[in-house]
Protein backbone atom coordinates (compact mmCIF):
# COMPACT_ATOMS: atom_id res chain seq x y z
CA MET A 1 139.39 58.35 141.42
CA LYS A 2 142.42 57.33 139.67
CA GLU A 3 140.48 55.32 137.06
CA LEU A 4 138.23 58.25 136.49
CA ILE A 5 141.17 60.39 135.51
CA GLU A 6 142.71 57.68 133.42
CA ILE A 7 139.64 57.09 131.38
CA ILE A 8 139.18 60.73 130.79
CA ALA A 9 142.78 61.22 129.73
CA LYS A 10 143.03 58.20 127.60
CA SER A 11 139.95 59.24 125.48
CA LEU A 12 141.66 62.56 124.87
CA VAL A 13 145.11 61.48 123.74
CA LYS A 14 146.71 59.75 120.67
CA ASN A 15 148.84 57.65 122.67
CA PRO A 16 146.62 56.13 125.61
CA ASP A 17 149.28 53.59 126.51
CA GLN A 18 151.51 56.46 127.78
CA VAL A 19 148.72 57.71 130.08
CA SER A 20 149.69 57.38 133.73
CA VAL A 21 148.19 58.58 137.03
CA THR A 22 150.10 58.41 140.36
CA ALA A 23 148.54 59.41 143.70
CA VAL A 24 150.39 61.13 146.40
CA ASN A 25 149.09 61.95 149.83
CA ASP A 26 150.13 65.27 151.39
CA LYS A 27 148.84 66.49 154.56
CA GLY A 28 145.37 65.29 154.09
CA VAL A 29 145.00 66.24 150.30
CA THR A 30 145.37 63.43 147.58
CA VAL A 31 147.37 64.91 144.80
CA TYR A 32 146.85 63.00 141.48
CA GLU A 33 149.64 63.47 138.94
CA LEU A 34 148.71 62.91 135.30
CA ARG A 35 151.46 62.14 132.91
CA VAL A 36 151.03 61.98 129.22
CA ALA A 37 153.27 61.98 126.12
CA PRO A 38 154.81 65.27 125.38
CA GLU A 39 152.83 65.34 121.96
CA ASP A 40 149.67 64.93 123.74
CA MET A 41 150.29 67.55 126.39
CA GLY A 42 148.29 70.16 124.60
CA LYS A 43 145.25 67.95 124.01
CA VAL A 44 144.91 67.34 127.70
CA ILE A 45 145.46 71.04 128.57
CA GLY A 46 143.25 72.38 125.88
CA LYS A 47 143.12 76.12 124.70
CA GLN A 48 143.66 78.46 127.59
CA GLY A 49 143.51 75.34 129.90
CA ARG A 50 139.85 74.59 129.35
CA ILE A 51 140.03 70.80 129.13
CA ALA A 52 142.36 70.82 132.22
CA LYS A 53 140.05 73.07 134.21
CA ALA A 54 136.93 70.74 133.17
CA LEU A 55 138.85 67.53 134.14
CA ARG A 56 139.63 69.00 137.44
CA THR A 57 135.91 70.08 137.88
CA VAL A 58 134.70 66.65 137.36
CA VAL A 59 137.23 65.16 139.73
CA LYS A 60 136.31 67.65 142.38
CA ALA A 61 132.73 66.97 141.86
CA ALA A 62 133.23 63.26 142.34
CA ALA A 63 135.56 63.80 145.30
CA THR A 64 132.80 65.87 146.96
CA ARG A 65 130.58 62.79 147.03
CA THR A 66 133.20 60.84 149.07
CA ASN A 67 134.29 63.80 151.36
CA GLU A 68 137.85 63.66 149.91
CA ARG A 69 140.23 66.60 149.12
CA ILE A 70 141.80 65.97 145.75
CA MET A 71 143.96 67.87 143.31
CA VAL A 72 144.99 67.02 139.88
CA GLU A 73 148.34 68.20 138.40
CA ILE A 74 149.26 67.58 134.89
CA VAL A 75 152.92 66.89 134.79
């Protein structure tokens, strides 16, 4: 799942080398924290959060196939 988030984020930003994803387990839920360069934050979030919402939807769909509970936070 981490690789999926990284691939999608790296394709959106100007500085793909500054994209990092860390996984944190919290009470049965895996939280993936996506970090990007400050100047790329707007590209990852998108207008009115549309790209962020789409990213979360794709990850949630992939997690459903493996019966995992996953959240994506953009930090």
